[in-house]
Amino acid sequence: MIMNNLKGECYALVQAVVCARDIFCRAPGCCNLATAAHHLYKRDRMATAFNPRYVIGLCNDCHSWAHAEPDEFREWVISWMGADEYEYGHQLSLTVARHVDFEAIRDNLKQELKKYKKS
């Protein structure tokens, strides 16, 4: 049970970090506040799930678009971040994380969030 609580805390922290980092929705043509953190690769893939590099801030409407039109969204992400970076993240997301230290992840995300809160 403790592990699930830590994992949930890590998901909440990565959302807070990404929304604090991006401030505004990153979707094309949108200027709403970022209120949702969208994982570019499946959220259950531990190799990228808590790496803010592979999570972007979106508003709720654009987050719905990302889930409703995944192919269109993926094409936009590739054009935005570049095919090589997207493929690198994709390959990383496919690696198996045999041991996930949620305490260390939580602590790192808290430190990163502090950087954005000071700005």
N, C-alpha and C. Protein backbone atom coordinates (compact mmCIF):
# COMPACT_ATOMS: atom_id res chain seq x y z
N MET A 1 0.82 -1.20 0.00
CA MET A 1 0.00 0.00 0.00
C MET A 1 0.86 1.26 0.00
N ILE A 2 1.95 1.25 0.75
CA ILE A 2 2.83 2.41 0.79
C ILE A 2 3.37 2.71 -0.60
N MET A 3 3.75 1.66 -1.37
CA MET A 3 4.28 1.86 -2.71
C MET A 3 3.26 2.57 -3.59
N ASN A 4 1.98 2.16 -3.54
CA ASN A 4 0.96 2.81 -4.36
C ASN A 4 0.78 4.27 -3.98
N ASN A 5 0.87 4.58 -2.69
CA ASN A 5 0.77 5.97 -2.27
C ASN A 5 1.93 6.79 -2.80
N LEU A 6 3.14 6.23 -2.75
CA LEU A 6 4.32 6.92 -3.28
C LEU A 6 4.20 7.10 -4.78
N LYS A 7 3.76 6.08 -5.45
CA LYS A 7 3.59 6.16 -6.91
C LYS A 7 2.57 7.24 -7.26
N GLY A 8 1.46 7.27 -6.56
CA GLY A 8 0.45 8.30 -6.79
C GLY A 8 0.98 9.68 -6.51
N GLU A 9 1.79 9.80 -5.46
CA GLU A 9 2.40 11.09 -5.15
C GLU A 9 3.35 11.52 -6.26
N CYS A 10 4.06 10.57 -6.83
CA CYS A 10 4.97 10.89 -7.94
C CYS A 10 4.20 11.36 -9.17
N TYR A 11 3.07 10.71 -9.46
CA TYR A 11 2.24 11.17 -10.59
C TYR A 11 1.73 12.59 -10.34
N ALA A 12 1.30 12.87 -9.13
CA ALA A 12 0.82 14.22 -8.80
C ALA A 12 1.96 15.24 -8.91
N LEU A 13 3.13 14.86 -8.47
CA LEU A 13 4.27 15.77 -8.52
C LEU A 13 4.72 16.05 -9.95
N VAL A 14 4.74 15.02 -10.80
CA VAL A 14 5.15 15.27 -12.18
C VAL A 14 4.15 16.20 -12.85
N GLN A 15 2.87 16.07 -12.50
CA GLN A 15 1.86 16.99 -13.04
C GLN A 15 2.15 18.42 -12.56
N ALA A 16 2.43 18.57 -11.28
CA ALA A 16 2.70 19.91 -10.73
C ALA A 16 3.94 20.51 -11.37
N VAL A 17 4.98 19.71 -11.56
CA VAL A 17 6.22 20.20 -12.17
C VAL A 17 5.96 20.67 -13.59
N VAL A 18 5.28 19.85 -14.37
CA VAL A 18 5.05 20.17 -15.78
C VAL A 18 4.16 21.40 -15.94
N CYS A 19 3.11 21.50 -15.15
CA CYS A 19 2.23 22.68 -15.25
C CYS A 19 2.95 23.94 -14.78
N ALA A 20 3.82 23.82 -13.77
CA ALA A 20 4.59 24.98 -13.31
C ALA A 20 5.65 25.37 -14.34
N ARG A 21 6.23 24.38 -14.99
CA ARG A 21 7.26 24.63 -16.01
C ARG A 21 6.66 25.28 -17.25
N ASP A 22 5.58 24.69 -17.77
CA ASP A 22 5.03 25.14 -19.04
C ASP A 22 4.14 26.38 -18.90
N ILE A 23 3.49 26.53 -17.80
CA ILE A 23 2.56 27.62 -17.49
C ILE A 23 1.37 27.65 -18.45
N PHE A 24 1.64 27.74 -19.75
CA PHE A 24 0.57 27.78 -20.74
C PHE A 24 0.53 26.47 -21.53
N CYS A 25 -0.64 26.14 -22.01
CA CYS A 25 -0.86 24.96 -22.82
C CYS A 25 0.09 24.98 -24.02
N ARG A 26 0.72 23.86 -24.28
CA ARG A 26 1.68 23.77 -25.39
C ARG A 26 1.04 23.37 -26.70
N ALA A 27 -0.24 23.08 -26.71
CA ALA A 27 -0.90 22.66 -27.95
C ALA A 27 -0.86 23.81 -28.95
N PRO A 28 -0.84 23.48 -30.23
CA PRO A 28 -0.74 24.53 -31.25
C PRO A 28 -1.92 25.48 -31.22
N GLY A 29 -1.62 26.76 -31.16
CA GLY A 29 -2.64 27.80 -31.21
C GLY A 29 -3.39 28.04 -29.92
N CYS A 30 -3.04 27.36 -28.85
CA CYS A 30 -3.74 27.52 -27.58
C CYS A 30 -2.93 28.41 -26.65
N CYS A 31 -3.63 29.24 -25.89
CA CYS A 31 -2.93 30.09 -24.92
C CYS A 31 -3.57 30.02 -23.53
N ASN A 32 -4.31 28.94 -23.28
CA ASN A 32 -4.89 28.72 -21.96
C ASN A 32 -3.80 28.27 -20.99
N LEU A 33 -4.10 28.36 -19.71
CA LEU A 33 -3.17 27.86 -18.71
C LEU A 33 -3.05 26.35 -18.80
N ALA A 34 -1.85 25.84 -18.56
CA ALA A 34 -1.63 24.39 -18.51
C ALA A 34 -2.19 23.88 -17.19
N THR A 35 -3.15 22.99 -17.27
CA THR A 35 -3.78 22.45 -16.07
C THR A 35 -3.69 20.93 -16.02
N ALA A 36 -3.19 20.33 -17.09
CA ALA A 36 -3.06 18.87 -17.16
C ALA A 36 -1.68 18.52 -17.69
N ALA A 37 -1.11 17.48 -17.14
CA ALA A 37 0.18 16.99 -17.62
C ALA A 37 -0.08 15.76 -18.48
N HIS A 38 0.28 15.84 -19.74
CA HIS A 38 0.03 14.74 -20.67
C HIS A 38 1.32 13.98 -20.93
N HIS A 39 1.30 12.68 -20.64
CA HIS A 39 2.45 11.82 -20.91
C HIS A 39 2.53 11.54 -22.41
N LEU A 40 3.69 11.78 -22.99
CA LEU A 40 3.85 11.56 -24.42
C LEU A 40 3.88 10.08 -24.76
N TYR A 41 4.26 9.26 -23.80
CA TYR A 41 4.26 7.81 -23.96
C TYR A 41 3.36 7.26 -22.87
N LYS A 42 2.97 6.03 -22.97
CA LYS A 42 2.03 5.47 -22.01
C LYS A 42 2.47 5.74 -20.58
N ARG A 43 1.54 6.17 -19.78
CA ARG A 43 1.80 6.58 -18.40
C ARG A 43 2.33 5.46 -17.53
N ASP A 44 2.02 4.22 -17.87
CA ASP A 44 2.47 3.10 -17.05
C ASP A 44 3.89 2.64 -17.38
N ARG A 45 4.54 3.32 -18.30
CA ARG A 45 5.92 2.97 -18.65
C ARG A 45 6.87 3.73 -17.72
N MET A 46 7.37 3.01 -16.75
CA MET A 46 8.13 3.61 -15.66
C MET A 46 9.41 4.32 -16.10
N ALA A 47 9.97 3.94 -17.24
CA ALA A 47 11.21 4.57 -17.70
C ALA A 47 11.01 6.04 -18.08
N THR A 48 9.78 6.41 -18.44
CA THR A 48 9.51 7.81 -18.84
C THR A 48 8.39 8.46 -18.04
N ALA A 49 7.67 7.71 -17.25
CA ALA A 49 6.46 8.22 -16.58
C ALA A 49 6.72 9.44 -15.70
N PHE A 50 7.87 9.49 -15.05
CA PHE A 50 8.14 10.57 -14.10
C PHE A 50 9.24 11.50 -14.57
N ASN A 51 9.56 11.44 -15.86
CA ASN A 51 10.56 12.32 -16.44
C ASN A 51 9.83 13.47 -17.13
N PRO A 52 9.89 14.67 -16.56
CA PRO A 52 9.16 15.80 -17.14
C PRO A 52 9.51 16.09 -18.59
N ARG A 53 10.66 15.59 -19.04
CA ARG A 53 11.05 15.77 -20.44
C ARG A 53 10.03 15.13 -21.38
N TYR A 54 9.35 14.10 -20.90
CA TYR A 54 8.41 13.36 -21.73
C TYR A 54 6.96 13.54 -21.30
N VAL A 55 6.69 14.68 -20.68
CA VAL A 55 5.35 15.04 -20.25
C VAL A 55 5.18 16.52 -20.59
N ILE A 56 4.04 16.89 -21.16
CA ILE A 56 3.84 18.30 -21.50
C ILE A 56 2.56 18.83 -20.87
N GLY A 57 2.59 20.13 -20.63
CA GLY A 57 1.43 20.80 -20.05
C GLY A 57 0.41 21.15 -21.11
N LEU A 58 -0.82 20.81 -20.84
CA LEU A 58 -1.93 21.12 -21.73
C LEU A 58 -3.08 21.66 -20.89
N CYS A 59 -3.98 22.40 -21.52
CA CYS A 59 -5.22 22.76 -20.85
C CYS A 59 -6.14 21.54 -20.92
N ASN A 60 -7.23 21.58 -20.21
CA ASN A 60 -8.14 20.42 -20.20
C ASN A 60 -8.71 20.10 -21.58
N ASP A 61 -9.06 21.14 -22.34
CA ASP A 61 -9.62 20.91 -23.67
C ASP A 61 -8.61 20.24 -24.59
N CYS A 62 -7.38 20.73 -24.58
CA CYS A 62 -6.34 20.16 -25.44
C CYS A 62 -5.91 18.78 -24.96
N HIS A 63 -5.99 18.55 -23.65
CA HIS A 63 -5.71 17.22 -23.13
C HIS A 63 -6.76 16.23 -23.65
N SER A 64 -8.01 16.67 -23.71
CA SER A 64 -9.07 15.83 -24.29
C SER A 64 -8.78 15.56 -25.76
N TRP A 65 -8.32 16.59 -26.49
CA TRP A 65 -7.95 16.43 -27.91
C TRP A 65 -6.84 15.38 -28.05
N ALA A 66 -5.84 15.44 -27.18
CA ALA A 66 -4.71 14.51 -27.26
C ALA A 66 -5.18 13.07 -27.12
N HIS A 67 -6.17 12.84 -26.28
CA HIS A 67 -6.70 11.49 -26.10
C HIS A 67 -7.71 11.11 -27.18
N ALA A 68 -8.47 12.07 -27.67
CA ALA A 68 -9.48 11.78 -28.69
C ALA A 68 -8.87 11.59 -30.08
N GLU A 69 -7.77 12.28 -30.34
CA GLU A 69 -7.11 12.24 -31.66
C GLU A 69 -5.62 11.89 -31.48
N PRO A 70 -5.33 10.69 -31.00
CA PRO A 70 -3.93 10.37 -30.67
C PRO A 70 -2.97 10.42 -31.86
N ASP A 71 -3.43 10.03 -33.04
CA ASP A 71 -2.54 10.06 -34.21
C ASP A 71 -2.21 11.50 -34.60
N GLU A 72 -3.22 12.34 -34.61
CA GLU A 72 -3.01 13.76 -34.93
C GLU A 72 -2.10 14.40 -33.88
N PHE A 73 -2.35 14.09 -32.62
CA PHE A 73 -1.54 14.65 -31.54
C PHE A 73 -0.09 14.17 -31.67
N ARG A 74 0.11 12.89 -31.94
CA ARG A 74 1.47 12.34 -32.09
C ARG A 74 2.21 13.03 -33.23
N GLU A 75 1.52 13.25 -34.34
CA GLU A 75 2.16 13.95 -35.47
C GLU A 75 2.59 15.36 -35.06
N TRP A 76 1.74 16.05 -34.32
CA TRP A 76 2.12 17.38 -33.85
C TRP A 76 3.32 17.31 -32.92
N VAL A 77 3.31 16.35 -31.99
CA VAL A 77 4.43 16.21 -31.05
C VAL A 77 5.73 15.96 -31.81
N ILE A 78 5.71 15.09 -32.80
CA ILE A 78 6.90 14.80 -33.58
C ILE A 78 7.40 16.06 -34.29
N SER A 79 6.49 16.84 -34.86
CA SER A 79 6.90 18.08 -35.53
C SER A 79 7.43 19.10 -34.53
N TRP A 80 6.90 19.07 -33.32
CA TRP A 80 7.30 20.02 -32.27
C TRP A 80 8.66 19.65 -31.66
N MET A 81 8.85 18.38 -31.31
CA MET A 81 10.08 17.99 -30.62
C MET A 81 11.13 17.38 -31.53
N GLY A 82 10.76 17.03 -32.74
CA GLY A 82 11.69 16.41 -33.68
C GLY A 82 11.57 14.89 -33.63
N ALA A 83 11.72 14.28 -34.80
CA ALA A 83 11.55 12.84 -34.92
C ALA A 83 12.59 12.07 -34.12
N ASP A 84 13.84 12.54 -34.11
CA ASP A 84 14.88 11.82 -33.38
C ASP A 84 14.63 11.81 -31.88
N GLU A 85 14.25 12.96 -31.34
CA GLU A 85 13.97 13.04 -29.90
C GLU A 85 12.74 12.21 -29.55
N TYR A 86 11.73 12.26 -30.40
CA TYR A 86 10.52 11.48 -30.15
C TYR A 86 10.86 9.98 -30.14
N GLU A 87 11.64 9.55 -31.12
CA GLU A 87 12.00 8.14 -31.22
C GLU A 87 12.87 7.72 -30.03
N TYR A 88 13.78 8.58 -29.62
CA TYR A 88 14.62 8.28 -28.45
C TYR A 88 13.73 8.05 -27.22
N GLY A 89 12.79 8.96 -26.98
CA GLY A 89 11.87 8.82 -25.85
C GLY A 89 11.01 7.57 -25.97
N HIS A 90 10.59 7.28 -27.19
CA HIS A 90 9.77 6.08 -27.40
C HIS A 90 10.56 4.83 -27.04
N GLN A 91 11.80 4.74 -27.53
CA GLN A 91 12.63 3.57 -27.21
C GLN A 91 12.90 3.48 -25.71
N LEU A 92 13.16 4.63 -25.09
CA LEU A 92 13.37 4.64 -23.64
C LEU A 92 12.13 4.14 -22.92
N SER A 93 10.96 4.56 -23.38
CA SER A 93 9.71 4.16 -22.73
C SER A 93 9.48 2.65 -22.80
N LEU A 94 10.09 1.99 -23.76
CA LEU A 94 9.93 0.55 -23.92
C LEU A 94 10.86 -0.26 -23.03
N THR A 95 11.83 0.40 -22.40
CA THR A 95 12.74 -0.33 -21.53
C THR A 95 12.01 -0.72 -20.25
N VAL A 96 12.40 -1.82 -19.69
CA VAL A 96 11.77 -2.33 -18.48
C VAL A 96 12.53 -1.81 -17.27
N ALA A 97 11.82 -1.14 -16.41
CA ALA A 97 12.41 -0.66 -15.16
C ALA A 97 12.19 -1.75 -14.12
N ARG A 98 13.26 -2.44 -13.78
CA ARG A 98 13.15 -3.57 -12.85
C ARG A 98 12.96 -3.12 -11.41
N HIS A 99 13.56 -2.02 -11.06
CA HIS A 99 13.41 -1.49 -9.71
C HIS A 99 13.13 -0.01 -9.82
N VAL A 100 12.02 0.41 -9.29
CA VAL A 100 11.66 1.83 -9.33
C VAL A 100 11.70 2.35 -7.91
N ASP A 101 12.55 3.31 -7.68
CA ASP A 101 12.71 3.91 -6.35
C ASP A 101 11.80 5.14 -6.27
N PHE A 102 10.55 4.92 -5.87
CA PHE A 102 9.57 6.00 -5.84
C PHE A 102 9.95 7.09 -4.84
N GLU A 103 10.64 6.73 -3.79
CA GLU A 103 11.08 7.75 -2.82
C GLU A 103 12.07 8.70 -3.48
N ALA A 104 13.04 8.17 -4.21
CA ALA A 104 14.02 9.01 -4.90
C ALA A 104 13.35 9.85 -5.98
N ILE A 105 12.43 9.25 -6.72
CA ILE A 105 11.70 9.98 -7.76
C ILE A 105 10.92 11.13 -7.12
N ARG A 106 10.22 10.83 -6.03
CA ARG A 106 9.45 11.86 -5.32
C ARG A 106 10.36 13.00 -4.87
N ASP A 107 11.48 12.66 -4.28
CA ASP A 107 12.40 13.69 -3.79
C ASP A 107 12.95 14.54 -4.93
N ASN A 108 13.30 13.91 -6.05
CA ASN A 108 13.81 14.66 -7.21
C ASN A 108 12.74 15.58 -7.78
N LEU A 109 11.51 15.08 -7.87
CA LEU A 109 10.43 15.92 -8.41
C LEU A 109 10.12 17.08 -7.47
N LYS A 110 10.20 16.86 -6.17
CA LYS A 110 9.98 17.96 -5.22
C LYS A 110 11.04 19.03 -5.40
N GLN A 111 12.29 18.63 -5.61
CA GLN A 111 13.36 19.60 -5.83
C GLN A 111 13.14 20.37 -7.13
N GLU A 112 12.73 19.67 -8.16
CA GLU A 112 12.48 20.34 -9.43
C GLU A 112 11.31 21.32 -9.30
N LEU A 113 10.28 20.92 -8.58
CA LEU A 113 9.13 21.82 -8.39
C LEU A 113 9.55 23.08 -7.65
N LYS A 114 10.43 22.95 -6.68
CA LYS A 114 10.92 24.12 -5.94
C LYS A 114 11.57 25.13 -6.88
N LYS A 115 12.31 24.64 -7.87
CA LYS A 115 12.96 25.55 -8.84
C LYS A 115 11.94 26.39 -9.57
N TYR A 116 10.82 25.78 -9.96
CA TYR A 116 9.80 26.51 -10.71
C TYR A 116 8.99 27.43 -9.80
N LYS A 117 8.81 27.05 -8.57
CA LYS A 117 8.04 27.87 -7.63
C LYS A 117 8.80 29.13 -7.27
N LYS A 118 10.15 29.09 -7.32
CA LYS A 118 10.99 30.27 -7.00
C LYS A 118 10.95 31.28 -8.13
N SER A 119 10.74 30.80 -9.36
CA SER A 119 10.76 31.68 -10.55
C SER A 119 9.64 32.67 -10.56
